[in-house]
Amino acid sequence: MKTLLRDCSLSAVVAGFIATVISYAGPLVIVFQAAKAGGLPQDVLSSWVWTISIGSGVLGILLSLRYKVPIIIAWSAPGSALLVTMLPDITLNEAIGAYIVTSVVLLLVGLSGAFDRIINRLPAAIAAGMLAGILFRFGTGLFISIKEQPWLVLAMFATYLAFKRASPRYAVLAVLVVGVTITVASGELQSEALVLGLATPMWIAPEFSWQVILNIAFPLVMVALTGQFVPGMAVLRNDGYSTPASPLISSSALGSLLLAPFGCHGLNLAAITAAICTGREAHENPAKRYVAGVSGGVFYLLLGVFGATLVSIFTAFPPALIAALAGLALLAAIGGALSAAMAMPADREAALITFLVTASGMSFLGLSAAFWGLIFGIAAHLLLRLRPAVATGAREQQPAR
């Protein structure tokens, strides 16, 4: 505890707070859409919000303290999106059974250590290209939001540039303060939407159906590994952290397994929000950035308890503020990923392909753009690296003249 207090800094606490805010700003809306599609009652939705929030918070705090690394755990947004289409056709009890199977499979993957061996063989430029592609839409979203709230977004942008020059560590905090101040002063805050309410857990008995397991568990496993853990580990590696992936997967899967009967559809290593906590904006010293992970976990716990209040807060603020905040908070991460992707001339083309495929947002055979970005990038890497060797072999076989 003394070490944590000594290492604590305002910039790290703010990074954790913003990471949590952005986690809720978009992905939580998908959870509500899934609940609405499935016709879930309010008490079940409240339990769902409680489990993913408390689970993310507890795991984030424990893992950040254990490894002294800013580890952000969050629920699977692609997994939530999958449930929007699936829940109308199955019962909630069957969905819970599929969640449990998903967690068991991921736990076995984590305990086996296979994921560590795969991630360690992934070329750094390819991983950086994928990360840049994932974050790309948040950077463009910053400027797209100018159309909705030009003065708000431009003021936040100007604040960011001014503080990056004068006091870089507090640039994102200044952006948050200016954005909230302008929103309140201009009357854009929808105060009538604010309510006070607690979220409570509710037990839901699981039922196991092999059809539902195939339709939900398999896609959730693939989404978790390719869409969450791979880019999540790329974020950590990109900022110099060598934390093994296996214990992170195992811990997340175990937490998901324990919370599944209360509605939790899966907890994963975060990627987008983690990039806010692993960079220089959180702290100049990488060894002290773990405080951002602990901070994010604490805010998850606080916001998770007040589930109904939490939803109303994000409803009250204009979407442009959230989009601008996310884009500005991730600018440094996008720049660092692009720099790492283009750093090695031999891998530059493969990294560029990875970036373009991932940034395209394509989906094919039910698998995300991040997955296909890796596949195309690795294929390009292997083929382009193979070409000189083939050419050299051909020259060696030519007869001497």
Protein backbone atom coordinates (compact mmCIF):
# COMPACT_ATOMS: atom_id res chain seq x y z
CA MET A 1 0.00 0.00 0.00
CA LYS A 2 2.85 2.39 0.82
CA THR A 3 4.45 1.66 -2.56
CA LEU A 4 1.17 2.39 -4.34
CA LEU A 5 0.75 5.70 -2.54
CA ARG A 6 4.36 6.65 -3.27
CA ASP A 7 3.98 5.84 -6.97
CA CYS A 8 0.57 7.49 -7.28
CA SER A 9 0.30 10.50 -9.59
CA LEU A 10 -2.57 12.65 -10.83
CA SER A 11 -1.79 11.86 -14.47
CA ALA A 12 -1.98 8.10 -13.84
CA VAL A 13 -5.26 8.42 -11.92
CA VAL A 14 -6.73 10.55 -14.71
CA ALA A 15 -5.56 8.04 -17.36
CA GLY A 16 -7.36 5.26 -15.48
CA PHE A 17 -10.48 7.39 -15.15
CA ILE A 18 -10.58 8.28 -18.85
CA ALA A 19 -9.98 4.66 -19.83
CA THR A 20 -12.97 3.68 -17.70
CA VAL A 21 -15.15 6.47 -19.13
CA ILE A 22 -14.37 5.40 -22.69
CA SER A 23 -15.01 1.74 -21.80
CA TYR A 24 -18.52 2.67 -20.76
CA ALA A 25 -19.18 5.30 -23.43
CA GLY A 26 -19.59 2.88 -26.33
CA PRO A 27 -19.50 -0.80 -25.30
CA LEU A 28 -22.10 -0.36 -22.56
CA VAL A 29 -24.59 0.90 -25.13
CA ILE A 30 -24.17 -2.40 -27.01
CA VAL A 31 -24.98 -4.31 -23.80
CA PHE A 32 -28.24 -2.34 -23.52
CA GLN A 33 -29.04 -3.06 -27.16
CA ALA A 34 -28.49 -6.77 -26.57
CA ALA A 35 -30.69 -6.69 -23.48
CA LYS A 36 -33.43 -4.89 -25.40
CA ALA A 37 -33.20 -7.37 -28.29
CA GLY A 38 -33.58 -10.27 -25.86
CA GLY A 39 -36.42 -8.61 -23.95
CA LEU A 40 -34.48 -8.88 -20.68
CA PRO A 41 -36.11 -7.36 -17.59
CA GLN A 42 -34.50 -4.44 -15.77
CA ASP A 43 -33.22 -6.52 -12.84
CA VAL A 44 -31.38 -8.88 -15.20
CA LEU A 45 -29.84 -5.95 -17.08
CA SER A 46 -28.80 -4.42 -13.76
CA SER A 47 -27.10 -7.68 -12.78
CA TRP A 48 -25.35 -7.86 -16.16
CA VAL A 49 -23.94 -4.33 -15.74
CA TRP A 50 -22.91 -5.15 -12.17
CA THR A 51 -20.99 -8.32 -13.11
CA ILE A 52 -19.00 -6.88 -16.00
CA SER A 53 -18.15 -3.75 -14.00
CA ILE A 54 -17.17 -5.43 -10.73
CA GLY A 55 -15.32 -8.21 -12.55
CA SER A 56 -13.35 -5.72 -14.66
CA GLY A 57 -12.53 -3.65 -11.59
CA VAL A 58 -11.37 -6.44 -9.30
CA LEU A 59 -9.27 -8.15 -11.99
CA GLY A 60 -7.73 -4.87 -13.16
CA ILE A 61 -6.67 -3.92 -9.63
CA LEU A 62 -5.28 -7.34 -8.69
CA LEU A 63 -3.39 -7.93 -11.96
CA SER A 64 -1.96 -4.38 -12.06
CA LEU A 65 -0.67 -4.74 -8.50
CA ARG A 66 0.62 -8.28 -9.12
CA TYR A 67 2.65 -7.47 -12.25
CA LYS A 68 3.23 -3.71 -11.67
CA VAL A 69 1.89 -3.13 -15.18
CA PRO A 70 -1.15 -1.03 -16.23
CA ILE A 71 -3.53 -3.89 -17.01
CA ILE A 72 -7.05 -2.91 -18.00
CA ILE A 73 -9.72 -5.61 -18.05
CA ALA A 74 -13.02 -4.96 -19.80
CA TRP A 75 -15.98 -6.82 -21.21
CA SER A 76 -15.98 -7.93 -24.81
CA ALA A 77 -17.67 -5.32 -27.03
CA PRO A 78 -17.68 -7.64 -30.10
CA GLY A 79 -19.13 -10.33 -27.84
CA SER A 80 -21.91 -7.94 -26.82
CA ALA A 81 -22.58 -7.16 -30.47
CA LEU A 82 -22.87 -10.88 -31.22
CA LEU A 83 -25.53 -11.21 -28.51
CA VAL A 84 -27.64 -8.46 -30.11
CA THR A 85 -28.43 -10.90 -32.94
CA MET A 86 -28.44 -14.11 -30.88
CA LEU A 87 -30.49 -13.36 -27.75
CA PRO A 88 -33.87 -12.98 -29.48
CA ASP A 89 -33.71 -16.63 -30.61
CA ILE A 90 -32.46 -18.32 -27.42
CA THR A 91 -33.28 -18.23 -23.73
CA LEU A 92 -31.10 -16.31 -21.30
CA ASN A 93 -30.45 -19.54 -19.38
CA GLU A 94 -29.03 -21.15 -22.53
CA ALA A 95 -26.86 -18.09 -23.11
CA ILE A 96 -25.49 -18.40 -19.57
CA GLY A 97 -24.59 -22.04 -20.28
CA ALA A 98 -22.68 -20.92 -23.39
CA TYR A 99 -20.87 -18.24 -21.35
CA ILE A 100 -19.68 -20.90 -18.92
CA VAL A 101 -18.37 -23.13 -21.73
CA THR A 102 -16.60 -20.13 -23.28
CA SER A 103 -14.88 -19.33 -19.98
CA VAL A 104 -13.76 -22.95 -19.49
CA VAL A 105 -12.23 -23.10 -22.99
CA LEU A 106 -10.38 -19.80 -22.46
CA LEU A 107 -9.17 -20.99 -19.05
CA LEU A 108 -7.67 -24.10 -20.67
CA VAL A 109 -6.01 -21.96 -23.35
CA GLY A 110 -4.49 -19.77 -20.66
CA LEU A 111 -3.27 -22.65 -18.51
CA SER A 112 -1.72 -24.44 -21.51
CA GLY A 113 0.61 -21.53 -22.29
CA ALA A 114 -0.04 -21.93 -26.03
CA PHE A 115 -1.08 -18.30 -26.46
CA ASP A 116 2.25 -17.05 -25.08
CA ARG A 117 4.17 -19.09 -27.64
CA ILE A 118 2.04 -17.69 -30.46
CA ILE A 119 2.23 -14.04 -29.36
CA ASN A 120 6.01 -14.21 -28.85
CA ARG A 121 6.49 -15.26 -32.49
CA LEU A 122 4.35 -12.43 -33.84
CA PRO A 123 6.56 -9.82 -35.61
CA ALA A 124 6.58 -6.52 -33.71
CA ALA A 125 5.79 -4.46 -36.82
CA ILE A 126 2.72 -6.59 -37.60
CA ALA A 127 1.42 -6.25 -34.03
CA ALA A 128 1.99 -2.47 -34.14
CA GLY A 129 0.21 -2.20 -37.51
CA MET A 130 -2.78 -4.06 -36.11
CA LEU A 131 -2.87 -1.81 -33.04
CA ALA A 132 -2.72 1.33 -35.21
CA GLY A 133 -5.59 -0.02 -37.32
CA ILE A 134 -7.74 -0.72 -34.25
CA LEU A 135 -7.19 2.78 -32.88
CA PHE A 136 -7.54 4.51 -36.26
CA ARG A 137 -11.31 5.04 -36.10
CA PHE A 138 -10.98 6.80 -32.75
CA GLY A 139 -8.53 9.27 -34.24
CA THR A 140 -10.78 10.00 -37.21
CA GLY A 141 -13.81 10.11 -34.90
CA LEU A 142 -12.25 13.13 -33.21
CA PHE A 143 -12.45 15.18 -36.42
CA ILE A 144 -15.76 13.73 -37.59
CA SER A 145 -17.31 14.97 -34.32
CA ILE A 146 -16.47 18.56 -35.29
CA LYS A 147 -19.54 18.51 -37.52
CA GLU A 148 -21.79 17.85 -34.51
CA GLN A 149 -20.27 20.23 -31.95
CA PRO A 150 -17.64 22.41 -33.69
CA TRP A 151 -16.91 24.85 -30.85
CA LEU A 152 -16.79 22.14 -28.21
CA VAL A 153 -14.46 19.84 -30.17
CA LEU A 154 -12.21 22.64 -31.46
CA ALA A 155 -11.85 24.05 -27.93
CA MET A 156 -10.88 20.60 -26.64
CA PHE A 157 -8.42 20.18 -29.53
CA ALA A 158 -6.82 23.59 -28.90
CA THR A 159 -6.55 22.78 -25.18
CA TYR A 160 -4.82 19.52 -25.97
CA LEU A 161 -2.21 21.21 -28.19
CA ALA A 162 -1.58 23.98 -25.66
CA PHE A 163 -1.03 21.57 -22.79
CA LYS A 164 1.04 19.16 -24.90
CA ARG A 165 3.45 22.03 -25.35
CA ALA A 166 3.37 23.36 -21.78
CA SER A 167 2.53 20.34 -19.58
CA PRO A 168 2.07 17.09 -21.58
CA ARG A 169 1.17 14.88 -18.61
CA TYR A 170 -1.96 16.90 -17.89
CA ALA A 171 -3.11 17.48 -21.46
CA VAL A 172 -5.90 14.88 -21.37
CA LEU A 173 -7.09 16.04 -17.93
CA ALA A 174 -7.28 19.61 -19.24
CA VAL A 175 -9.26 18.41 -22.26
CA LEU A 176 -11.76 16.63 -19.97
CA VAL A 177 -12.20 19.71 -17.76
CA VAL A 178 -12.66 22.07 -20.72
CA GLY A 179 -15.10 19.71 -22.44
CA VAL A 180 -17.29 19.28 -19.34
CA THR A 181 -17.16 23.02 -18.54
CA ILE A 182 -18.25 24.04 -22.03
CA THR A 183 -21.01 21.42 -22.07
CA VAL A 184 -22.44 22.64 -18.75
CA ALA A 185 -22.03 26.35 -19.59
CA SER A 186 -23.69 26.00 -22.99
CA GLY A 187 -26.69 24.13 -21.59
CA GLU A 188 -25.89 20.99 -23.61
CA LEU A 189 -25.89 18.81 -20.47
CA GLN A 190 -29.21 16.97 -20.33
CA SER A 191 -29.58 17.12 -16.55
CA GLU A 192 -33.10 15.71 -16.70
CA ALA A 193 -31.58 12.40 -17.82
CA LEU A 194 -29.59 12.02 -14.59
CA VAL A 195 -30.97 9.48 -12.11
CA LEU A 196 -29.65 7.78 -8.98
CA GLY A 197 -29.83 3.99 -8.84
CA LEU A 198 -27.85 0.94 -7.72
CA ALA A 199 -27.04 -2.22 -9.68
CA THR A 200 -27.47 -5.58 -7.91
CA PRO A 201 -26.46 -9.15 -8.88
CA MET A 202 -29.09 -11.75 -9.73
CA TRP A 203 -28.54 -15.52 -10.06
CA ILE A 204 -29.55 -17.02 -13.42
CA ALA A 205 -29.54 -20.82 -13.64
CA PRO A 206 -27.54 -22.06 -16.67
CA GLU A 207 -28.92 -24.45 -19.27
CA PHE A 208 -26.70 -26.27 -21.77
CA SER A 209 -27.70 -26.71 -25.40
CA TRP A 210 -25.10 -27.91 -27.89
CA GLN A 211 -26.63 -25.81 -30.67
CA VAL A 212 -26.41 -22.65 -28.56
CA ILE A 213 -22.89 -23.55 -27.42
CA LEU A 214 -21.75 -23.88 -31.04
CA ASN A 215 -23.48 -20.65 -32.06
CA ILE A 216 -22.30 -18.54 -29.12
CA ALA A 217 -19.36 -20.17 -27.31
CA PHE A 218 -17.18 -20.75 -30.38
CA PRO A 219 -17.54 -17.19 -31.76
CA LEU A 220 -17.00 -15.73 -28.26
CA VAL A 221 -13.75 -17.70 -27.86
CA MET A 222 -12.49 -16.56 -31.27
CA VAL A 223 -13.47 -12.95 -30.60
CA ALA A 224 -11.80 -13.00 -27.18
CA LEU A 225 -8.50 -14.39 -28.47
CA THR A 226 -8.20 -12.58 -31.80
CA GLY A 227 -10.13 -9.39 -31.10
CA GLN A 228 -9.19 -8.74 -27.48
CA PHE A 229 -6.14 -10.62 -26.18
CA VAL A 230 -3.99 -10.34 -29.31
CA PRO A 231 -4.37 -6.54 -29.65
CA GLY A 232 -4.30 -6.20 -25.85
CA MET A 233 -0.93 -7.92 -25.68
CA ALA A 234 0.23 -5.83 -28.66
CA VAL A 235 -0.51 -2.69 -26.62
CA LEU A 236 1.59 -3.95 -23.71
CA ARG A 237 4.45 -5.09 -25.96
CA ASN A 238 4.39 -1.82 -27.90
CA ASP A 239 5.07 0.12 -24.68
CA GLY A 240 7.82 -2.23 -23.52
CA TYR A 241 5.95 -4.50 -21.09
CA SER A 242 6.84 -8.20 -21.29
CA THR A 243 4.04 -9.50 -19.06
CA PRO A 244 3.14 -13.10 -20.02
CA ALA A 245 -0.26 -13.52 -21.64
CA SER A 246 -1.20 -16.87 -20.06
CA PRO A 247 -1.93 -15.64 -16.52
CA LEU A 248 -3.92 -12.71 -17.90
CA ILE A 249 -6.07 -15.05 -20.00
CA SER A 250 -6.46 -17.53 -17.14
CA SER A 251 -7.42 -14.85 -14.61
CA SER A 252 -9.92 -13.23 -16.97
CA ALA A 253 -11.45 -16.60 -17.83
CA LEU A 254 -11.72 -17.61 -14.17
CA GLY A 255 -13.40 -14.31 -13.31
CA SER A 256 -15.79 -14.74 -16.24
CA LEU A 257 -16.59 -18.30 -15.13
CA LEU A 258 -17.46 -17.23 -11.58
CA LEU A 259 -19.62 -14.31 -12.76
CA ALA A 260 -21.31 -16.01 -15.73
CA PRO A 261 -24.38 -17.17 -13.70
CA PHE A 262 -25.04 -13.51 -12.89
CA GLY A 263 -25.01 -12.42 -16.54
CA CYS A 264 -21.34 -11.81 -17.35
CA HIS A 265 -20.74 -12.67 -21.02
CA GLY A 266 -16.93 -12.44 -20.84
CA LEU A 267 -14.06 -10.38 -19.43
CA ASN A 268 -11.00 -9.80 -21.59
CA LEU A 269 -7.77 -7.87 -21.71
CA ALA A 270 -8.63 -4.40 -23.04
CA ALA A 271 -6.78 -2.95 -26.01
CA ILE A 272 -8.11 0.48 -26.93
CA THR A 273 -8.54 1.78 -23.39
CA ALA A 274 -5.33 0.08 -22.25
CA ALA A 275 -3.38 2.22 -24.73
CA ILE A 276 -4.40 5.29 -22.71
CA CYS A 277 -2.80 3.84 -19.56
CA THR A 278 0.40 2.34 -20.99
CA GLY A 279 1.81 5.46 -22.65
CA ARG A 280 3.83 8.46 -21.48
CA GLU A 281 0.70 10.48 -20.71
CA ALA A 282 0.00 8.20 -17.74
CA HIS A 283 3.51 8.70 -16.34
CA GLU A 284 6.99 9.39 -17.65
CA ASN A 285 8.29 6.36 -15.74
CA PRO A 286 6.89 3.09 -17.19
CA ALA A 287 7.36 1.40 -13.80
CA LYS A 288 4.80 3.74 -12.23
CA ARG A 289 2.10 3.48 -14.88
CA TYR A 290 0.55 0.49 -13.11
CA VAL A 291 -1.23 3.07 -10.95
CA ALA A 292 -3.40 3.86 -13.99
CA GLY A 293 -4.52 0.21 -14.06
CA VAL A 294 -5.37 0.31 -10.35
CA SER A 295 -7.16 3.65 -10.80
CA GLY A 296 -9.20 2.28 -13.69
CA GLY A 297 -10.19 -0.73 -11.59
CA VAL A 298 -11.35 1.48 -8.72
CA PHE A 299 -13.51 3.57 -11.05
CA TYR A 300 -14.99 0.38 -12.52
CA LEU A 301 -16.03 -0.66 -9.01
CA LEU A 302 -17.56 2.71 -8.20
CA LEU A 303 -19.42 3.04 -11.49
CA GLY A 304 -20.52 -0.60 -11.47
CA VAL A 305 -22.28 -0.24 -8.12
CA PHE A 306 -24.26 2.75 -9.42
CA GLY A 307 -25.31 1.08 -12.65
CA ALA A 308 -28.42 3.10 -13.42
CA THR A 309 -26.70 6.35 -12.52
CA LEU A 310 -23.80 5.41 -14.76
CA VAL A 311 -26.00 4.98 -17.80
CA SER A 312 -27.74 8.29 -17.20
CA ILE A 313 -24.42 10.17 -17.01
CA PHE A 314 -23.40 9.04 -20.50
CA THR A 315 -26.86 9.86 -21.77
CA ALA A 316 -26.58 13.38 -20.34
CA PHE A 317 -23.33 14.33 -22.13
CA PRO A 318 -23.25 14.93 -25.91
CA PRO A 319 -21.71 12.10 -27.97
CA ALA A 320 -19.26 14.57 -29.52
CA LEU A 321 -17.60 15.13 -26.14
CA ILE A 322 -16.99 11.39 -25.67
CA ALA A 323 -15.72 11.00 -29.26
CA ALA A 324 -13.34 13.95 -28.95
CA LEU A 325 -12.08 12.79 -25.55
CA ALA A 326 -11.38 9.28 -26.87
CA GLY A 327 -9.60 10.57 -29.98
CA LEU A 328 -7.38 13.02 -28.12
CA ALA A 329 -6.55 10.52 -25.36
CA LEU A 330 -5.42 8.00 -27.98
CA LEU A 331 -3.45 10.30 -30.32
CA ALA A 332 -0.11 9.43 -28.71
CA ALA A 333 -0.90 5.71 -28.83
CA ILE A 334 -1.83 5.92 -32.52
CA GLY A 335 1.38 7.81 -33.32
CA GLY A 336 3.52 5.35 -31.37
CA ALA A 337 1.93 2.35 -33.08
CA LEU A 338 2.37 3.84 -36.56
CA SER A 339 5.99 4.68 -35.78
CA ALA A 340 6.70 1.13 -34.58
CA ALA A 341 4.89 -0.36 -37.60
CA MET A 342 7.00 1.63 -40.07
CA ALA A 343 10.29 1.44 -38.15
CA MET A 344 11.71 -1.67 -39.88
CA PRO A 345 12.02 -1.29 -43.69
CA ALA A 346 11.90 -5.05 -44.24
CA ASP A 347 8.48 -5.34 -42.53
CA ARG A 348 7.07 -1.98 -43.61
CA GLU A 349 4.87 -3.31 -46.42
CA ALA A 350 3.47 -6.18 -44.37
CA ALA A 351 2.77 -3.80 -41.46
CA LEU A 352 1.02 -1.39 -43.83
CA ILE A 353 -1.21 -4.19 -45.12
CA THR A 354 -2.03 -5.18 -41.55
CA PHE A 355 -2.92 -1.59 -40.72
CA LEU A 356 -5.15 -1.09 -43.78
CA VAL A 357 -7.07 -4.35 -43.32
CA THR A 358 -7.60 -3.71 -39.61
CA ALA A 359 -8.58 -0.06 -40.10
CA SER A 360 -11.09 -1.05 -42.80
CA GLY A 361 -13.37 -2.56 -40.16
CA MET A 362 -14.15 -5.51 -42.46
CA SER A 363 -15.81 -8.66 -41.16
CA PHE A 364 -15.57 -11.99 -42.96
CA LEU A 365 -16.75 -15.45 -41.87
CA GLY A 366 -17.81 -13.93 -38.56
CA LEU A 367 -14.24 -12.89 -37.67
CA SER A 368 -13.15 -9.35 -36.94
CA ALA A 369 -10.94 -7.00 -38.96
CA ALA A 370 -8.19 -7.34 -36.34
CA PHE A 371 -8.05 -11.09 -36.98
CA TRP A 372 -7.93 -10.68 -40.76
CA GLY A 373 -5.38 -7.89 -40.42
CA LEU A 374 -3.10 -10.36 -38.67
CA ILE A 375 -3.73 -13.07 -41.26
CA PHE A 376 -3.03 -10.79 -44.26
CA GLY A 377 -0.08 -9.15 -42.53
CA ILE A 378 1.60 -12.40 -41.52
CA ALA A 379 1.02 -13.85 -45.01
CA ALA A 380 2.62 -10.77 -46.57
CA HIS A 381 5.49 -10.93 -44.07
CA LEU A 382 6.23 -14.57 -44.90
CA LEU A 383 5.96 -14.14 -48.66
CA LEU A 384 8.03 -10.96 -48.81
CA ARG A 385 10.70 -12.43 -46.54
CA LEU A 386 10.75 -15.62 -48.61
CA ARG A 387 11.21 -13.83 -51.94
CA PRO A 388 14.90 -12.84 -51.55
CA ALA A 389 15.80 -16.35 -50.42
CA VAL A 390 14.07 -17.87 -53.45
CA ALA A 391 15.76 -15.42 -55.78
CA THR A 392 19.16 -16.12 -54.23
CA GLY A 393 18.62 -19.85 -54.59
CA ALA A 394 17.74 -19.43 -58.25
CA ARG A 395 20.88 -17.41 -58.91
CA GLU A 396 23.03 -20.01 -57.18
CA GLN A 397 21.63 -22.74 -59.46
CA GLN A 398 22.56 -20.87 -62.64
CA PRO A 399 25.70 -22.32 -64.33
CA ALA A 400 28.86 -20.25 -64.28
CA ARG A 401 29.68 -18.40 -67.52
